[in-house]
Amino acid sequence: MVSLKELIKQESTKPELFLAGSSACAGCSSVLALRWALKALGKRTVIVSPACCANVYIGLWPKTSPAVPYINMAFAAGASAAAGVVAGYEALGKKDINVLTWAGDGGTVDIGIQALSGAIERNTNFIYACYDNEGYMNTGTQRSSSTPKYTVTTTTPLGKHMHKKDVAQIIAAHDIPYVATCLATDPVDVYNTFMEAKAVHGPKYIHILSPCAPGWRFDVSDTVKMGNLAVESGFFLLWKQVDGRMEIKGKSLKALDKEKRVPVKDYFKPQGRFRKLTEEQISEMQDWVDRRCDRMARRLQSEADL
């Protein structure tokens, strides 16, 4: 694990594998996460990316930003295509290539979940990373299964009426060697998570909360603040499961303490997508967050007692 100070020191010695000139929106946290993921993985990396914002923000050939092979893939085929790349390299006897699927929540939680579940069930040696901006942001801010309850989108103008799907826990139930969540706005968290995943053989899944200024409707200068509030309020929990054992990460340790947890209304208030929330709905969402945090705390305690 590296600290922020150590990471800054390393930056000048690590190759820059996501170059300037991308066409991402101002303040895009997904680009920030991809840059630091590649810093961790290094040059011997191949990226497969199903339909998502990333297909657009990498730019057009011959001036694309990634300095590693980058394959744009169909919506449903991010994991299956990556499995084919892995099989190809293994057939050539090349086992030191990092194969990374870089997908949005639409191509993971909805359209791509079948291929993802199949690839990890077959023990494919790859990293699957979902940058979760909680909606189909590239095509007009439609709701996805990862969109939180009561969020206003173009397809839920009165607010969505069900909670987001916790796909990281679904993947963890597959009992694979490494599952983790991390925060796109925290380079240290992203770097350390991908460094850990890189060292594990077999399927690895990383779920990255990626605040989206235009989709969530907050001021672009607040991108890092929104990521921090998501964690400090307990709305998004940072954890990892390594060989079946759960561990809470970073700021989420504090968020598990109800007395130290930031109220969810402080997280909702700067976001236009929650503009129609009533006080009753805010209270309901606070109860939902509290229950999830309590459940996580109980699980951690039960594992500590083993």
Protein backbone atom coordinates (compact mmCIF):
# COMPACT_ATOMS: atom_id res chain seq x y z
CA MET A 1 0.00 0.00 0.00
CA VAL A 2 1.33 3.43 -0.91
CA SER A 3 0.48 6.74 0.74
CA LEU A 4 -0.37 9.94 -1.13
CA LYS A 5 3.15 11.25 -0.51
CA GLU A 6 4.69 8.07 -1.91
CA LEU A 7 2.34 8.11 -4.89
CA ILE A 8 3.31 11.69 -5.78
CA LYS A 9 6.96 10.68 -5.57
CA GLN A 10 6.36 7.68 -7.83
CA GLU A 11 4.40 9.60 -10.47
CA SER A 12 7.45 10.93 -12.27
CA THR A 13 8.92 7.42 -12.57
CA LYS A 14 5.73 5.68 -13.69
CA PRO A 15 4.94 5.85 -17.43
CA GLU A 16 1.95 7.99 -18.39
CA LEU A 17 -0.39 5.55 -20.13
CA PHE A 18 -3.45 7.78 -20.44
CA LEU A 19 -2.31 10.81 -22.40
CA ALA A 20 -3.69 14.34 -22.67
CA GLY A 21 -6.34 15.23 -25.19
CA SER A 22 -9.27 13.02 -24.22
CA SER A 23 -12.76 14.27 -24.99
CA ALA A 24 -14.12 13.63 -21.51
CA CYS A 25 -16.44 16.07 -19.80
CA ALA A 26 -14.79 18.58 -17.49
CA GLY A 27 -14.07 16.98 -14.13
CA CYS A 28 -14.75 13.42 -15.33
CA SER A 29 -13.78 11.15 -12.44
CA SER A 30 -13.79 8.04 -14.64
CA VAL A 31 -10.83 9.43 -16.61
CA LEU A 32 -9.01 10.12 -13.34
CA ALA A 33 -9.62 6.52 -12.23
CA LEU A 34 -8.47 5.04 -15.56
CA ARG A 35 -5.28 7.09 -15.49
CA TRP A 36 -4.30 5.78 -12.05
CA ALA A 37 -5.46 2.24 -12.82
CA LEU A 38 -3.03 2.21 -15.75
CA LYS A 39 -0.27 3.67 -13.56
CA ALA A 40 -0.72 0.60 -11.35
CA LEU A 41 -1.07 -1.98 -14.13
CA GLY A 42 1.73 -0.77 -16.38
CA LYS A 43 2.46 -1.01 -20.10
CA ARG A 44 1.73 -4.71 -20.49
CA THR A 45 -2.01 -4.10 -20.32
CA VAL A 46 -4.81 -4.58 -22.84
CA ILE A 47 -8.17 -2.89 -22.29
CA VAL A 48 -11.52 -4.15 -23.55
CA SER A 49 -14.31 -1.59 -23.19
CA PRO A 50 -17.97 -2.30 -23.96
CA ALA A 51 -20.23 0.57 -25.03
CA CYS A 52 -19.92 3.37 -22.47
CA CYS A 53 -18.61 6.91 -22.00
CA ALA A 54 -15.05 5.60 -22.28
CA ASN A 55 -15.52 4.63 -25.94
CA VAL A 56 -16.06 8.33 -26.60
CA TYR A 57 -13.70 10.05 -24.18
CA ILE A 58 -10.61 8.11 -25.28
CA GLY A 59 -10.78 10.15 -28.49
CA LEU A 60 -10.52 9.20 -32.17
CA TRP A 61 -7.65 7.30 -33.81
CA PRO A 62 -4.86 8.22 -34.42
CA LYS A 63 -5.04 10.64 -31.51
CA THR A 64 -6.53 8.41 -28.83
CA SER A 65 -5.47 8.96 -25.22
CA PRO A 66 -4.67 5.37 -24.08
CA ALA A 67 -1.05 4.37 -24.73
CA VAL A 68 -1.96 0.68 -24.45
CA PRO A 69 -4.09 -1.50 -26.77
CA TYR A 70 -7.74 -0.48 -26.34
CA ILE A 71 -10.55 -2.54 -27.87
CA ASN A 72 -14.02 -0.99 -28.19
CA MET A 73 -16.55 -3.77 -27.80
CA ALA A 74 -20.30 -4.37 -28.02
CA PHE A 75 -22.43 -3.56 -24.97
CA ALA A 76 -23.01 -7.15 -23.83
CA ALA A 77 -19.55 -8.53 -24.63
CA GLY A 78 -17.04 -6.75 -22.38
CA ALA A 79 -16.22 -9.78 -20.25
CA SER A 80 -16.53 -12.43 -22.96
CA ALA A 81 -14.27 -10.50 -25.33
CA ALA A 82 -11.70 -10.07 -22.55
CA ALA A 83 -11.88 -13.82 -21.91
CA GLY A 84 -11.00 -14.36 -25.58
CA VAL A 85 -8.01 -12.00 -25.27
CA VAL A 86 -6.81 -13.88 -22.18
CA ALA A 87 -7.16 -17.23 -23.97
CA GLY A 88 -5.23 -15.90 -26.95
CA TYR A 89 -2.30 -14.72 -24.86
CA GLU A 90 -2.26 -17.95 -22.86
CA ALA A 91 -2.15 -19.94 -26.12
CA LEU A 92 0.93 -17.91 -27.05
CA GLY A 93 2.51 -18.65 -23.68
CA LYS A 94 2.25 -15.00 -22.59
CA LYS A 95 0.93 -14.95 -19.04
CA ASP A 96 2.25 -11.58 -17.86
CA ILE A 97 -0.31 -9.45 -19.73
CA ASN A 98 -2.93 -7.61 -17.67
CA VAL A 99 -6.29 -7.89 -19.43
CA LEU A 100 -8.70 -5.26 -18.13
CA THR A 101 -12.37 -4.80 -18.93
CA TRP A 102 -13.24 -1.14 -18.37
CA ALA A 103 -17.03 -0.78 -18.36
CA GLY A 104 -19.77 1.51 -17.18
CA ASP A 105 -22.65 0.41 -15.00
CA GLY A 106 -24.97 -0.06 -17.99
CA GLY A 107 -22.59 -2.57 -19.56
CA THR A 108 -22.02 -4.26 -16.20
CA VAL A 109 -25.06 -4.14 -13.94
CA ASP A 110 -27.57 -4.44 -16.78
CA ILE A 111 -26.50 -5.52 -20.26
CA GLY A 112 -23.18 -7.18 -19.46
CA ILE A 113 -23.90 -9.10 -16.27
CA GLN A 114 -24.45 -12.45 -18.03
CA ALA A 115 -21.06 -12.35 -19.76
CA LEU A 116 -19.39 -11.13 -16.56
CA SER A 117 -20.88 -13.92 -14.45
CA GLY A 118 -19.91 -16.49 -17.06
CA ALA A 119 -16.32 -15.26 -17.41
CA ILE A 120 -15.66 -15.29 -13.68
CA GLU A 121 -17.39 -18.66 -13.21
CA ARG A 122 -14.92 -20.04 -15.78
CA ASN A 123 -12.05 -18.64 -13.66
CA THR A 124 -10.82 -16.22 -16.35
CA ASN A 125 -7.61 -14.52 -15.27
CA PHE A 126 -8.58 -10.89 -15.85
CA ILE A 127 -9.62 -7.71 -14.07
CA TYR A 128 -13.14 -6.42 -14.60
CA ALA A 129 -13.59 -2.80 -13.50
CA CYS A 130 -16.97 -1.10 -13.49
CA TYR A 131 -16.84 2.69 -13.23
CA ASP A 132 -20.27 3.37 -11.78
CA ASN A 133 -21.71 6.79 -12.59
CA GLU A 134 -25.14 5.42 -11.75
CA GLY A 135 -26.85 5.81 -15.11
CA TYR A 136 -26.54 5.74 -18.89
CA MET A 137 -24.73 9.08 -18.96
CA ASN A 138 -23.32 8.77 -22.48
CA THR A 139 -26.76 8.52 -24.11
CA GLY A 140 -28.77 11.11 -22.23
CA THR A 141 -28.83 10.28 -18.50
CA GLN A 142 -31.28 7.38 -18.51
CA ARG A 143 -31.68 5.24 -15.41
CA SER A 144 -29.79 1.97 -14.99
CA SER A 145 -30.10 -0.76 -12.37
CA SER A 146 -27.29 1.08 -10.58
CA THR A 147 -29.27 4.32 -10.32
CA PRO A 148 -30.22 5.09 -6.68
CA LYS A 149 -33.81 5.18 -5.54
CA TYR A 150 -35.68 8.48 -6.11
CA THR A 151 -33.13 9.70 -8.67
CA VAL A 152 -34.59 11.93 -11.39
CA THR A 153 -33.39 10.85 -14.85
CA THR A 154 -34.73 11.33 -18.37
CA THR A 155 -36.54 7.98 -18.08
CA THR A 156 -37.60 8.45 -14.43
CA PRO A 157 -38.78 12.10 -14.42
CA LEU A 158 -40.67 11.55 -11.17
CA GLY A 159 -37.83 9.64 -9.55
CA LYS A 160 -36.83 5.97 -9.68
CA HIS A 161 -38.79 3.71 -7.34
CA MET A 162 -36.33 0.96 -6.46
CA HIS A 163 -32.89 0.81 -4.86
CA LYS A 164 -29.72 0.30 -6.91
CA LYS A 165 -28.48 -3.20 -7.57
CA ASP A 166 -25.42 -4.03 -5.45
CA VAL A 167 -23.53 -5.85 -8.19
CA ALA A 168 -20.25 -5.94 -6.21
CA GLN A 169 -21.95 -8.14 -3.61
CA ILE A 170 -23.46 -10.27 -6.39
CA ILE A 171 -19.98 -10.84 -7.82
CA ALA A 172 -18.59 -11.48 -4.33
CA ALA A 173 -21.15 -14.29 -4.02
CA HIS A 174 -19.34 -16.02 -6.91
CA ASP A 175 -16.52 -16.64 -4.38
CA ILE A 176 -13.72 -15.30 -6.60
CA PRO A 177 -10.25 -14.41 -5.24
CA TYR A 178 -10.61 -10.62 -5.25
CA VAL A 179 -13.53 -8.18 -5.16
CA ALA A 180 -13.19 -4.55 -4.10
CA THR A 181 -14.91 -1.21 -4.25
CA CYS A 182 -13.03 2.06 -4.60
CA LEU A 183 -13.57 5.75 -5.22
CA ALA A 184 -12.66 7.32 -8.58
CA THR A 185 -11.89 10.66 -6.94
CA ASP A 186 -9.26 9.11 -4.65
CA PRO A 187 -6.12 8.29 -6.71
CA VAL A 188 -4.45 6.50 -3.79
CA ASP A 189 -7.46 4.21 -3.34
CA VAL A 190 -7.61 3.48 -7.08
CA TYR A 191 -3.86 2.84 -7.39
CA ASN A 192 -3.64 0.56 -4.35
CA THR A 193 -6.74 -1.40 -5.38
CA PHE A 194 -5.43 -2.11 -8.88
CA MET A 195 -1.97 -2.97 -7.54
CA GLU A 196 -3.58 -5.56 -5.27
CA ALA A 197 -5.74 -6.97 -8.06
CA LYS A 198 -2.74 -7.19 -10.38
CA ALA A 199 -0.98 -9.54 -7.96
CA VAL A 200 -3.89 -12.00 -7.76
CA HIS A 201 -4.36 -14.86 -10.23
CA GLY A 202 -7.89 -15.53 -11.43
CA PRO A 203 -10.92 -13.29 -11.90
CA LYS A 204 -10.84 -9.93 -10.11
CA TYR A 205 -13.73 -7.45 -9.89
CA ILE A 206 -13.40 -3.76 -8.95
CA HIS A 207 -16.43 -1.48 -8.55
CA ILE A 208 -15.54 2.21 -8.77
CA LEU A 209 -17.98 4.95 -7.75
CA SER A 210 -17.52 7.64 -10.39
CA PRO A 211 -19.28 10.95 -9.62
CA CYS A 212 -20.60 12.50 -12.84
CA ALA A 213 -21.12 16.28 -12.81
CA PRO A 214 -23.48 16.57 -15.82
CA GLY A 215 -25.43 13.40 -14.96
CA TRP A 216 -25.73 14.00 -11.22
CA ARG A 217 -26.14 17.75 -11.80
CA PHE A 218 -23.62 19.23 -9.43
CA ASP A 219 -21.00 21.92 -10.03
CA VAL A 220 -17.94 20.43 -11.71
CA SER A 221 -15.68 21.96 -9.05
CA ASP A 222 -17.37 19.68 -6.49
CA THR A 223 -16.41 16.36 -8.11
CA VAL A 224 -13.97 15.31 -5.37
CA LYS A 225 -16.31 16.62 -2.68
CA MET A 226 -19.16 14.47 -4.02
CA GLY A 227 -17.01 11.35 -3.91
CA ASN A 228 -15.99 12.07 -0.32
CA LEU A 229 -19.59 12.73 0.75
CA ALA A 230 -20.76 9.46 -0.82
CA VAL A 231 -18.32 7.58 1.41
CA GLU A 232 -18.56 9.73 4.55
CA SER A 233 -22.37 9.38 4.54
CA GLY A 234 -22.16 5.60 4.14
CA PHE A 235 -24.08 5.79 0.87
CA PHE A 236 -21.13 4.06 -0.83
CA LEU A 237 -19.05 1.66 1.24
CA LEU A 238 -15.38 0.97 0.56
CA TRP A 239 -14.57 -2.70 1.16
CA LYS A 240 -12.70 -5.64 -0.28
CA GLN A 241 -13.17 -9.39 -0.15
CA VAL A 242 -9.94 -11.34 -0.55
CA ASP A 243 -10.23 -15.14 -0.68
CA GLY A 244 -13.67 -14.88 0.90
CA ARG A 245 -12.72 -12.63 3.80
CA MET A 246 -14.30 -9.20 4.04
CA GLU A 247 -12.38 -6.07 5.04
CA ILE A 248 -13.61 -2.47 5.27
CA LYS A 249 -11.40 0.18 3.69
CA GLY A 250 -10.38 3.78 4.39
CA LYS A 251 -13.01 6.36 5.29
CA SER A 252 -15.74 3.74 5.47
CA LEU A 253 -14.36 2.62 8.83
CA LYS A 254 -15.55 5.95 10.21
CA ALA A 255 -18.84 5.79 8.31
CA LEU A 256 -19.76 2.52 10.05
CA ASP A 257 -20.02 4.51 13.28
CA LYS A 258 -23.49 6.10 13.24
CA GLU A 259 -22.33 8.97 15.44
CA LYS A 260 -19.59 9.90 12.94
CA ARG A 261 -21.60 9.27 9.78
CA VAL A 262 -22.47 12.32 7.67
CA PRO A 263 -26.29 12.63 7.13
CA VAL A 264 -27.33 11.51 3.65
CA LYS A 265 -29.19 14.78 3.12
CA ASP A 266 -25.78 16.50 3.00
CA TYR A 267 -24.85 14.17 0.13
CA PHE A 268 -28.17 14.67 -1.68
CA LYS A 269 -28.41 18.45 -1.37
CA PRO A 270 -25.77 19.52 -3.96
CA GLN A 271 -27.15 17.09 -6.59
CA GLY A 272 -29.88 18.20 -8.97
CA ARG A 273 -30.86 14.58 -9.62
CA PHE A 274 -32.28 14.43 -6.08
CA ARG A 275 -34.12 17.73 -6.33
CA LYS A 276 -37.57 16.13 -5.92
CA LEU A 277 -36.77 14.33 -2.67
CA THR A 278 -39.28 14.92 0.11
CA GLU A 279 -38.33 14.93 3.80
CA GLU A 280 -40.07 11.57 4.15
CA GLN A 281 -37.99 10.11 1.31
CA ILE A 282 -34.77 11.49 2.78
CA SER A 283 -35.65 9.84 6.08
CA GLU A 284 -36.35 6.56 4.27
CA MET A 285 -33.00 6.73 2.48
CA GLN A 286 -31.21 7.49 5.75
CA ASP A 287 -32.78 4.37 7.28
CA TRP A 288 -31.66 2.34 4.25
CA VAL A 289 -28.07 3.57 4.59
CA ASP A 290 -28.08 2.94 8.35
CA ARG A 291 -29.28 -0.64 7.86
CA ARG A 292 -26.62 -1.34 5.21
CA CYS A 293 -23.88 0.05 7.45
CA ASP A 294 -25.14 -1.95 10.43
CA ARG A 295 -25.24 -5.12 8.32
CA MET A 296 -21.66 -4.56 7.19
CA ALA A 297 -20.52 -3.90 10.76
CA ARG A 298 -22.17 -7.14 11.93
CA ARG A 299 -20.50 -9.13 9.18
CA LEU A 300 -17.09 -7.69 10.02
CA GLN A 301 -17.61 -8.51 13.68
CA SER A 302 -18.72 -12.07 12.94
CA GLU A 303 -15.64 -12.66 10.77
CA ALA A 304 -13.39 -11.18 13.47
CA ASP A 305 -14.87 -13.66 15.95
CA LEU A 306 -13.99 -16.67 13.80
